[in-house]
């Protein structure tokens, strides 16, 4: 997990409203996306790192659940978040 605490606070401030609002779904999705992108790059170089691959699968599933919750409760916020994070949906 090379997402530093400063970067995490910055993501929560940008997507969650403030750096103290760590419970916001938008902020959690942004942090998970950052971690997923980092691990994906790592796995391109280290193809046999199965523990990281398993962690990646778990994080993608958690992000999918958060996005499903957001889509069910606030579809406009969901669409803007998908667009800002450049996620395919």
PDB file of N, CA and C in Angstrom:
ATOM      1  N   UNK A   1       0.844  -1.172   0.000  1.00  0.00           N
ATOM      2  CA  UNK A   1       0.000   0.000   0.000  1.00  0.00           C
ATOM      3  C   UNK A   1       0.888   1.235   0.000  1.00  0.00           C
ATOM      4  N   UNK A   2       1.169   1.761  -1.148  1.00  0.00           N
ATOM      5  CA  UNK A   2       2.014   2.925  -1.259  1.00  0.00           C
ATOM      6  C   UNK A   2       1.230   4.213  -1.406  1.00  0.00           C
ATOM      7  N   UNK A   3      -0.037   4.182  -1.092  1.00  0.00           N
ATOM      8  CA  UNK A   3      -0.816   5.415  -1.054  1.00  0.00           C
ATOM      9  C   UNK A   3      -0.557   6.035   0.308  1.00  0.00           C
ATOM     10  N   UNK A   4       0.188   7.142   0.319  1.00  0.00           N
ATOM     11  CA  UNK A   4       0.591   7.752   1.576  1.00  0.00           C
ATOM     12  C   UNK A   4      -0.600   8.411   2.265  1.00  0.00           C
ATOM     13  N   UNK A   5      -0.398   8.735   3.517  1.00  0.00           N
ATOM     14  CA  UNK A   5      -1.480   9.372   4.272  1.00  0.00           C
ATOM     15  C   UNK A   5      -1.783  10.761   3.716  1.00  0.00           C
ATOM     16  N   UNK A   6      -0.767  11.446   3.187  1.00  0.00           N
ATOM     17  CA  UNK A   6      -1.002  12.757   2.580  1.00  0.00           C
ATOM     18  C   UNK A   6      -1.847  12.613   1.323  1.00  0.00           C
ATOM     19  N   UNK A   7      -1.533  11.607   0.512  1.00  0.00           N
ATOM     20  CA  UNK A   7      -2.297  11.377  -0.717  1.00  0.00           C
ATOM     21  C   UNK A   7      -3.729  10.967  -0.381  1.00  0.00           C
ATOM     22  N   UNK A   8      -3.904  10.160   0.662  1.00  0.00           N
ATOM     23  CA  UNK A   8      -5.233   9.753   1.084  1.00  0.00           C
ATOM     24  C   UNK A   8      -6.046  10.960   1.537  1.00  0.00           C
ATOM     25  N   UNK A   9      -5.441  11.840   2.327  1.00  0.00           N
ATOM     26  CA  UNK A   9      -6.129  13.054   2.783  1.00  0.00           C
ATOM     27  C   UNK A   9      -6.492  13.937   1.601  1.00  0.00           C
ATOM     28  N   UNK A  10      -5.596  14.006   0.626  1.00  0.00           N
ATOM     29  CA  UNK A  10      -5.866  14.799  -0.576  1.00  0.00           C
ATOM     30  C   UNK A  10      -7.040  14.233  -1.379  1.00  0.00           C
ATOM     31  N   UNK A  11      -7.092  12.894  -1.488  1.00  0.00           N
ATOM     32  CA  UNK A  11      -8.207  12.267  -2.208  1.00  0.00           C
ATOM     33  C   UNK A  11      -9.528  12.482  -1.489  1.00  0.00           C
ATOM     34  N   UNK A  12      -9.517  12.358  -0.155  1.00  0.00           N
ATOM     35  CA  UNK A  12     -10.748  12.579   0.599  1.00  0.00           C
ATOM     36  C   UNK A  12     -11.188  14.035   0.502  1.00  0.00           C
ATOM     37  N   UNK A  13     -10.234  14.949   0.474  1.00  0.00           N
ATOM     38  CA  UNK A  13     -10.582  16.363   0.350  1.00  0.00           C
ATOM     39  C   UNK A  13     -11.189  16.645  -1.021  1.00  0.00           C
ATOM     40  N   UNK A  14     -10.630  16.021  -2.056  1.00  0.00           N
ATOM     41  CA  UNK A  14     -11.112  16.258  -3.419  1.00  0.00           C
ATOM     42  C   UNK A  14     -12.459  15.597  -3.681  1.00  0.00           C
ATOM     43  N   UNK A  15     -12.627  14.364  -3.229  1.00  0.00           N
ATOM     44  CA  UNK A  15     -13.841  13.616  -3.557  1.00  0.00           C
ATOM     45  C   UNK A  15     -14.846  13.550  -2.423  1.00  0.00           C
ATOM     46  N   UNK A  16     -14.382  13.623  -1.166  1.00  0.00           N
ATOM     47  CA  UNK A  16     -15.281  13.451  -0.042  1.00  0.00           C
ATOM     48  C   UNK A  16     -15.743  14.738   0.605  1.00  0.00           C
ATOM     49  N   UNK A  17     -15.192  15.866   0.204  1.00  0.00           N
ATOM     50  CA  UNK A  17     -15.610  17.135   0.776  1.00  0.00           C
ATOM     51  C   UNK A  17     -14.588  17.720   1.728  1.00  0.00           C
ATOM     52  N   UNK A  18     -14.066  16.913   2.650  1.00  0.00           N
ATOM     53  CA  UNK A  18     -13.007  17.377   3.543  1.00  0.00           C
ATOM     54  C   UNK A  18     -12.111  16.193   3.864  1.00  0.00           C
ATOM     55  N   UNK A  19     -10.918  16.489   4.365  1.00  0.00           N
ATOM     56  CA  UNK A  19     -10.002  15.397   4.658  1.00  0.00           C
ATOM     57  C   UNK A  19     -10.399  14.613   5.896  1.00  0.00           C
ATOM     58  N   UNK A  20     -11.279  15.170   6.712  1.00  0.00           N
ATOM     59  CA  UNK A  20     -11.761  14.465   7.898  1.00  0.00           C
ATOM     60  C   UNK A  20     -12.955  13.555   7.589  1.00  0.00           C
ATOM     61  N   UNK A  21     -13.562  13.721   6.418  1.00  0.00           N
ATOM     62  CA  UNK A  21     -14.739  12.941   6.048  1.00  0.00           C
ATOM     63  C   UNK A  21     -14.308  11.632   5.398  1.00  0.00           C
ATOM     64  N   UNK A  22     -13.705  10.747   6.198  1.00  0.00           N
ATOM     65  CA  UNK A  22     -13.177   9.500   5.660  1.00  0.00           C
ATOM     66  C   UNK A  22     -14.249   8.442   5.451  1.00  0.00           C
ATOM     67  N   UNK A  23     -15.467   8.706   5.861  1.00  0.00           N
ATOM     68  CA  UNK A  23     -16.541   7.742   5.695  1.00  0.00           C
ATOM     69  C   UNK A  23     -17.327   7.925   4.420  1.00  0.00           C
ATOM     70  N   UNK A  24     -17.017   8.963   3.650  1.00  0.00           N
ATOM     71  CA  UNK A  24     -17.787   9.208   2.432  1.00  0.00           C
ATOM     72  C   UNK A  24     -17.497   8.123   1.398  1.00  0.00           C
ATOM     73  N   UNK A  25     -18.541   7.672   0.748  1.00  0.00           N
ATOM     74  CA  UNK A  25     -18.410   6.626  -0.262  1.00  0.00           C
ATOM     75  C   UNK A  25     -17.532   7.104  -1.407  1.00  0.00           C
ATOM     76  N   UNK A  26     -17.679   8.349  -1.813  1.00  0.00           N
ATOM     77  CA  UNK A  26     -16.910   8.875  -2.941  1.00  0.00           C
ATOM     78  C   UNK A  26     -15.419   8.858  -2.626  1.00  0.00           C
ATOM     79  N   UNK A  27     -15.052   9.251  -1.415  1.00  0.00           N
ATOM     80  CA  UNK A  27     -13.653   9.242  -1.006  1.00  0.00           C
ATOM     81  C   UNK A  27     -13.086   7.838  -0.921  1.00  0.00           C
ATOM     82  N   UNK A  28     -13.884   6.910  -0.395  1.00  0.00           N
ATOM     83  CA  UNK A  28     -13.424   5.534  -0.299  1.00  0.00           C
ATOM     84  C   UNK A  28     -13.211   4.922  -1.665  1.00  0.00           C
ATOM     85  N   UNK A  29     -14.100   5.218  -2.611  1.00  0.00           N
ATOM     86  CA  UNK A  29     -13.946   4.716  -3.976  1.00  0.00           C
ATOM     87  C   UNK A  29     -12.695   5.309  -4.615  1.00  0.00           C
ATOM     88  N   UNK A  30     -12.431   6.587  -4.365  1.00  0.00           N
ATOM     89  CA  UNK A  30     -11.249   7.233  -4.938  1.00  0.00           C
ATOM     90  C   UNK A  30      -9.964   6.606  -4.396  1.00  0.00           C
ATOM     91  N   UNK A  31      -9.912   6.334  -3.095  1.00  0.00           N
ATOM     92  CA  UNK A  31      -8.725   5.719  -2.508  1.00  0.00           C
ATOM     93  C   UNK A  31      -8.555   4.297  -3.030  1.00  0.00           C
ATOM     94  N   UNK A  32      -9.639   3.547  -3.110  1.00  0.00           N
ATOM     95  CA  UNK A  32      -9.554   2.188  -3.652  1.00  0.00           C
ATOM     96  C   UNK A  32      -9.085   2.204  -5.101  1.00  0.00           C
ATOM     97  N   UNK A  33      -9.558   3.164  -5.888  1.00  0.00           N
ATOM     98  CA  UNK A  33      -9.138   3.269  -7.279  1.00  0.00           C
ATOM     99  C   UNK A  33      -7.651   3.544  -7.367  1.00  0.00           C
ATOM    100  N   UNK A  34      -7.157   4.409  -6.503  1.00  0.00           N
ATOM    101  CA  UNK A  34      -5.723   4.721  -6.477  1.00  0.00           C
ATOM    102  C   UNK A  34      -4.911   3.469  -6.148  1.00  0.00           C
ATOM    103  N   UNK A  35      -5.350   2.720  -5.152  1.00  0.00           N
ATOM    104  CA  UNK A  35      -4.644   1.493  -4.765  1.00  0.00           C
ATOM    105  C   UNK A  35      -4.732   0.438  -5.856  1.00  0.00           C
ATOM    106  N   UNK A  36      -5.890   0.310  -6.495  1.00  0.00           N
ATOM    107  CA  UNK A  36      -6.063  -0.665  -7.569  1.00  0.00           C
ATOM    108  C   UNK A  36      -5.142  -0.341  -8.732  1.00  0.00           C
ATOM    109  N   UNK A  37      -5.037   0.930  -9.084  1.00  0.00           N
ATOM    110  CA  UNK A  37      -4.145   1.319 -10.181  1.00  0.00           C
ATOM    111  C   UNK A  37      -2.692   1.012  -9.842  1.00  0.00           C
ATOM    112  N   UNK A  38      -2.301   1.255  -8.590  1.00  0.00           N
ATOM    113  CA  UNK A  38      -0.928   0.984  -8.177  1.00  0.00           C
ATOM    114  C   UNK A  38      -0.622  -0.511  -8.230  1.00  0.00           C
ATOM    115  N   UNK A  39      -1.520  -1.338  -7.717  1.00  0.00           N
ATOM    116  CA  UNK A  39      -1.288  -2.783  -7.708  1.00  0.00           C
ATOM    117  C   UNK A  39      -1.334  -3.344  -9.124  1.00  0.00           C
ATOM    118  N   UNK A  40      -2.176  -2.792  -9.981  1.00  0.00           N
ATOM    119  CA  UNK A  40      -2.224  -3.248 -11.373  1.00  0.00           C
ATOM    120  C   UNK A  40      -0.887  -3.001 -12.070  1.00  0.00           C
ATOM    121  N   UNK A  41      -0.297  -1.837 -11.828  1.00  0.00           N
ATOM    122  CA  UNK A  41       1.022  -1.551 -12.397  1.00  0.00           C
ATOM    123  C   UNK A  41       2.078  -2.502 -11.843  1.00  0.00           C
ATOM    124  N   UNK A  42       1.985  -2.795 -10.557  1.00  0.00           N
ATOM    125  CA  UNK A  42       2.929  -3.719  -9.929  1.00  0.00           C
ATOM    126  C   UNK A  42       2.812  -5.121 -10.544  1.00  0.00           C
ATOM    127  N   UNK A  43       1.586  -5.555 -10.799  1.00  0.00           N
ATOM    128  CA  UNK A  43       1.386  -6.904 -11.329  1.00  0.00           C
ATOM    129  C   UNK A  43       1.804  -7.027 -12.796  1.00  0.00           C
ATOM    130  N   UNK A  44       1.878  -5.918 -13.515  1.00  0.00           N
ATOM    131  CA  UNK A  44       2.379  -5.983 -14.888  1.00  0.00           C
ATOM    132  C   UNK A  44       3.852  -6.366 -14.912  1.00  0.00           C
ATOM    133  N   UNK A  45       4.600  -5.965 -13.884  1.00  0.00           N
ATOM    134  CA  UNK A  45       6.018  -6.295 -13.800  1.00  0.00           C
ATOM    135  C   UNK A  45       6.260  -7.617 -13.068  1.00  0.00           C
ATOM    136  N   UNK A  46       5.424  -7.927 -12.084  1.00  0.00           N
ATOM    137  CA  UNK A  46       5.611  -9.118 -11.247  1.00  0.00           C
ATOM    138  C   UNK A  46       4.423 -10.057 -11.441  1.00  0.00           C
ATOM    139  N   UNK A  47       4.466 -10.826 -12.485  1.00  0.00           N
ATOM    140  CA  UNK A  47       3.326 -11.652 -12.875  1.00  0.00           C
ATOM    141  C   UNK A  47       3.028 -12.787 -11.889  1.00  0.00           C
ATOM    142  N   UNK A  48       4.016 -13.218 -11.120  1.00  0.00           N
ATOM    143  CA  UNK A  48       3.828 -14.362 -10.235  1.00  0.00           C
ATOM    144  C   UNK A  48       3.504 -13.964  -8.791  1.00  0.00           C
ATOM    145  N   UNK A  49       3.203 -12.732  -8.552  1.00  0.00           N
ATOM    146  CA  UNK A  49       2.876 -12.250  -7.214  1.00  0.00           C
ATOM    147  C   UNK A  49       1.392 -12.514  -6.949  1.00  0.00           C
ATOM    148  N   UNK A  50       1.106 -13.725  -6.488  1.00  0.00           N
ATOM    149  CA  UNK A  50      -0.290 -14.137  -6.353  1.00  0.00           C
ATOM    150  C   UNK A  50      -0.984 -13.515  -5.146  1.00  0.00           C
ATOM    151  N   UNK A  51      -0.242 -13.189  -4.104  1.00  0.00           N
ATOM    152  CA  UNK A  51      -0.885 -12.566  -2.942  1.00  0.00           C
ATOM    153  C   UNK A  51      -1.369 -11.158  -3.290  1.00  0.00           C
ATOM    154  N   UNK A  52      -0.600 -10.438  -4.098  1.00  0.00           N
ATOM    155  CA  UNK A  52      -1.057  -9.116  -4.537  1.00  0.00           C
ATOM    156  C   UNK A  52      -2.235  -9.235  -5.485  1.00  0.00           C
ATOM    157  N   UNK A  53      -2.237 -10.264  -6.308  1.00  0.00           N
ATOM    158  CA  UNK A  53      -3.349 -10.487  -7.230  1.00  0.00           C
ATOM    159  C   UNK A  53      -4.640 -10.747  -6.460  1.00  0.00           C
ATOM    160  N   UNK A  54      -4.536 -11.537  -5.392  1.00  0.00           N
ATOM    161  CA  UNK A  54      -5.705 -11.816  -4.564  1.00  0.00           C
ATOM    162  C   UNK A  54      -6.205 -10.548  -3.878  1.00  0.00           C
ATOM    163  N   UNK A  55      -5.265  -9.719  -3.394  1.00  0.00           N
ATOM    164  CA  UNK A  55      -5.645  -8.441  -2.777  1.00  0.00           C
ATOM    165  C   UNK A  55      -6.324  -7.525  -3.783  1.00  0.00           C
ATOM    166  N   UNK A  56      -5.833  -7.529  -5.012  1.00  0.00           N
ATOM    167  CA  UNK A  56      -6.439  -6.725  -6.072  1.00  0.00           C
ATOM    168  C   UNK A  56      -7.880  -7.156  -6.331  1.00  0.00           C
ATOM    169  N   UNK A  57      -8.114  -8.446  -6.383  1.00  0.00           N
ATOM    170  CA  UNK A  57      -9.465  -8.963  -6.624  1.00  0.00           C
ATOM    171  C   UNK A  57     -10.402  -8.552  -5.494  1.00  0.00           C
ATOM    172  N   UNK A  58      -9.920  -8.601  -4.247  1.00  0.00           N
ATOM    173  CA  UNK A  58     -10.736  -8.196  -3.108  1.00  0.00           C
ATOM    174  C   UNK A  58     -11.066  -6.710  -3.160  1.00  0.00           C
ATOM    175  N   UNK A  59     -10.088  -5.882  -3.538  1.00  0.00           N
ATOM    176  CA  UNK A  59     -10.321  -4.440  -3.611  1.00  0.00           C
ATOM    177  C   UNK A  59     -11.292  -4.085  -4.730  1.00  0.00           C
ATOM    178  N   UNK A  60     -11.187  -4.766  -5.859  1.00  0.00           N
ATOM    179  CA  UNK A  60     -12.109  -4.505  -6.963  1.00  0.00           C
ATOM    180  C   UNK A  60     -13.531  -4.867  -6.557  1.00  0.00           C
ATOM    181  N   UNK A  61     -13.690  -5.964  -5.832  1.00  0.00           N
ATOM    182  CA  UNK A  61     -15.009  -6.346  -5.347  1.00  0.00           C
ATOM    183  C   UNK A  61     -15.578  -5.352  -4.359  1.00  0.00           C
ATOM    184  N   UNK A  62     -14.724  -4.833  -3.467  1.00  0.00           N
ATOM    185  CA  UNK A  62     -15.173  -3.839  -2.490  1.00  0.00           C
ATOM    186  C   UNK A  62     -15.583  -2.544  -3.187  1.00  0.00           C
ATOM    187  N   UNK A  63     -14.789  -2.131  -4.197  1.00  0.00           N
ATOM    188  CA  UNK A  63     -15.132  -0.914  -4.939  1.00  0.00           C
ATOM    189  C   UNK A  63     -16.433  -1.101  -5.698  1.00  0.00           C
ATOM    190  N   UNK A  64     -16.652  -2.296  -6.253  1.00  0.00           N
ATOM    191  CA  UNK A  64     -17.897  -2.566  -6.979  1.00  0.00           C
ATOM    192  C   UNK A  64     -19.099  -2.461  -6.059  1.00  0.00           C
ATOM    193  N   UNK A  65     -18.962  -2.951  -4.818  1.00  0.00           N
ATOM    194  CA  UNK A  65     -20.059  -2.853  -3.849  1.00  0.00           C
ATOM    195  C   UNK A  65     -20.344  -1.402  -3.478  1.00  0.00           C
ATOM    196  N   UNK A  66     -19.288  -0.614  -3.277  1.00  0.00           N
ATOM    197  CA  UNK A  66     -19.474   0.806  -2.974  1.00  0.00           C
ATOM    198  C   UNK A  66     -20.164   1.521  -4.124  1.00  0.00           C
ATOM    199  N   UNK A  67     -19.744   1.222  -5.354  1.00  0.00           N
ATOM    200  CA  UNK A  67     -20.347   1.876  -6.516  1.00  0.00           C
ATOM    201  C   UNK A  67     -21.803   1.456  -6.700  1.00  0.00           C
ATOM    202  N   UNK A  68     -22.115   0.197  -6.389  1.00  0.00           N
ATOM    203  CA  UNK A  68     -23.496  -0.258  -6.483  1.00  0.00           C
ATOM    204  C   UNK A  68     -24.366   0.460  -5.454  1.00  0.00           C
ATOM    205  N   UNK A  69     -23.850   0.634  -4.241  1.00  0.00           N
ATOM    206  CA  UNK A  69     -24.564   1.376  -3.205  1.00  0.00           C
ATOM    207  C   UNK A  69     -24.813   2.808  -3.645  1.00  0.00           C
ATOM    208  N   UNK A  70     -23.787   3.441  -4.204  1.00  0.00           N
ATOM    209  CA  UNK A  70     -23.905   4.823  -4.647  1.00  0.00           C
ATOM    210  C   UNK A  70     -24.890   4.951  -5.800  1.00  0.00           C
ATOM    211  N   UNK A  71     -24.882   4.000  -6.721  1.00  0.00           N
ATOM    212  CA  UNK A  71     -25.806   4.036  -7.858  1.00  0.00           C
ATOM    213  C   UNK A  71     -27.250   3.881  -7.398  1.00  0.00           C
ATOM    214  N   UNK A  72     -27.472   3.069  -6.369  1.00  0.00           N
ATOM    215  CA  UNK A  72     -28.829   2.859  -5.873  1.00  0.00           C
ATOM    216  C   UNK A  72     -29.357   4.061  -5.093  1.00  0.00           C
ATOM    217  N   UNK A  73     -28.457   4.822  -4.453  1.00  0.00           N
ATOM    218  CA  UNK A  73     -28.898   5.918  -3.598  1.00  0.00           C
ATOM    219  C   UNK A  73     -28.820   7.292  -4.250  1.00  0.00           C
ATOM    220  N   UNK A  74     -27.840   7.512  -5.111  1.00  0.00           N
ATOM    221  CA  UNK A  74     -27.672   8.835  -5.721  1.00  0.00           C
ATOM    222  C   UNK A  74     -27.050   8.657  -7.106  1.00  0.00           C
ATOM    223  N   UNK A  75     -27.891   8.493  -8.118  1.00  0.00           N
ATOM    224  CA  UNK A  75     -27.425   8.159  -9.452  1.00  0.00           C
ATOM    225  C   UNK A  75     -26.630   9.292 -10.087  1.00  0.00           C
ATOM    226  N   UNK A  76     -26.985  10.545  -9.820  1.00  0.00           N
ATOM    227  CA  UNK A  76     -26.246  11.667 -10.398  1.00  0.00           C
ATOM    228  C   UNK A  76     -24.828  11.755  -9.837  1.00  0.00           C
ATOM    229  N   UNK A  77     -24.691  11.561  -8.533  1.00  0.00           N
ATOM    230  CA  UNK A  77     -23.372  11.558  -7.904  1.00  0.00           C
ATOM    231  C   UNK A  77     -22.537  10.382  -8.415  1.00  0.00           C
ATOM    232  N   UNK A  78     -23.179   9.241  -8.611  1.00  0.00           N
ATOM    233  CA  UNK A  78     -22.511   8.059  -9.160  1.00  0.00           C
ATOM    234  C   UNK A  78     -21.960   8.344 -10.549  1.00  0.00           C
ATOM    235  N   UNK A  79     -22.761   8.946 -11.405  1.00  0.00           N
ATOM    236  CA  UNK A  79     -22.325   9.238 -12.776  1.00  0.00           C
ATOM    237  C   UNK A  79     -21.177  10.236 -12.797  1.00  0.00           C
ATOM    238  N   UNK A  80     -21.232  11.245 -11.942  1.00  0.00           N
ATOM    239  CA  UNK A  80     -20.146  12.226 -11.916  1.00  0.00           C
ATOM    240  C   UNK A  80     -18.855  11.605 -11.373  1.00  0.00           C
ATOM    241  N   UNK A  81     -18.975  10.717 -10.386  1.00  0.00           N
ATOM    242  CA  UNK A  81     -17.795  10.060  -9.829  1.00  0.00           C
ATOM    243  C   UNK A  81     -17.142   9.138 -10.853  1.00  0.00           C
ATOM    244  N   UNK A  82     -17.944   8.388 -11.574  1.00  0.00           N
ATOM    245  CA  UNK A  82     -17.426   7.496 -12.612  1.00  0.00           C
ATOM    246  C   UNK A  82     -16.678   8.302 -13.669  1.00  0.00           C
ATOM    247  N   UNK A  83     -17.228   9.440 -14.022  1.00  0.00           N
ATOM    248  CA  UNK A  83     -16.602  10.276 -15.040  1.00  0.00           C
ATOM    249  C   UNK A  83     -15.299  10.895 -14.524  1.00  0.00           C
ATOM    250  N   UNK A  84     -15.306  11.367 -13.269  1.00  0.00           N
ATOM    251  CA  UNK A  84     -14.106  12.002 -12.723  1.00  0.00           C
ATOM    252  C   UNK A  84     -12.974  11.007 -12.511  1.00  0.00           C
ATOM    253  N   UNK A  85     -13.290   9.749 -12.157  1.00  0.00           N
ATOM    254  CA  UNK A  85     -12.267   8.737 -11.924  1.00  0.00           C
ATOM    255  C   UNK A  85     -11.894   7.964 -13.197  1.00  0.00           C
ATOM    256  N   UNK A  86     -12.580   8.246 -14.291  1.00  0.00           N
ATOM    257  CA  UNK A  86     -12.330   7.560 -15.569  1.00  0.00           C
ATOM    258  C   UNK A  86     -12.500   6.051 -15.448  1.00  0.00           C
ATOM    259  N   UNK A  87     -13.596   5.644 -14.796  1.00  0.00           N
ATOM    260  CA  UNK A  87     -13.917   4.228 -14.683  1.00  0.00           C
ATOM    261  C   UNK A  87     -14.871   3.836 -15.786  1.00  0.00           C
ATOM    262  N   UNK A  88     -14.704   2.638 -16.294  1.00  0.00           N
ATOM    263  CA  UNK A  88     -15.603   2.162 -17.342  1.00  0.00           C
ATOM    264  C   UNK A  88     -16.836   1.533 -16.674  1.00  0.00           C
ATOM    265  N   UNK A  89     -17.973   2.034 -16.986  1.00  0.00           N
ATOM    266  CA  UNK A  89     -19.233   1.470 -16.491  1.00  0.00           C
ATOM    267  C   UNK A  89     -20.307   1.773 -17.483  1.00  0.00           C
TER     268      UNK A  89
END
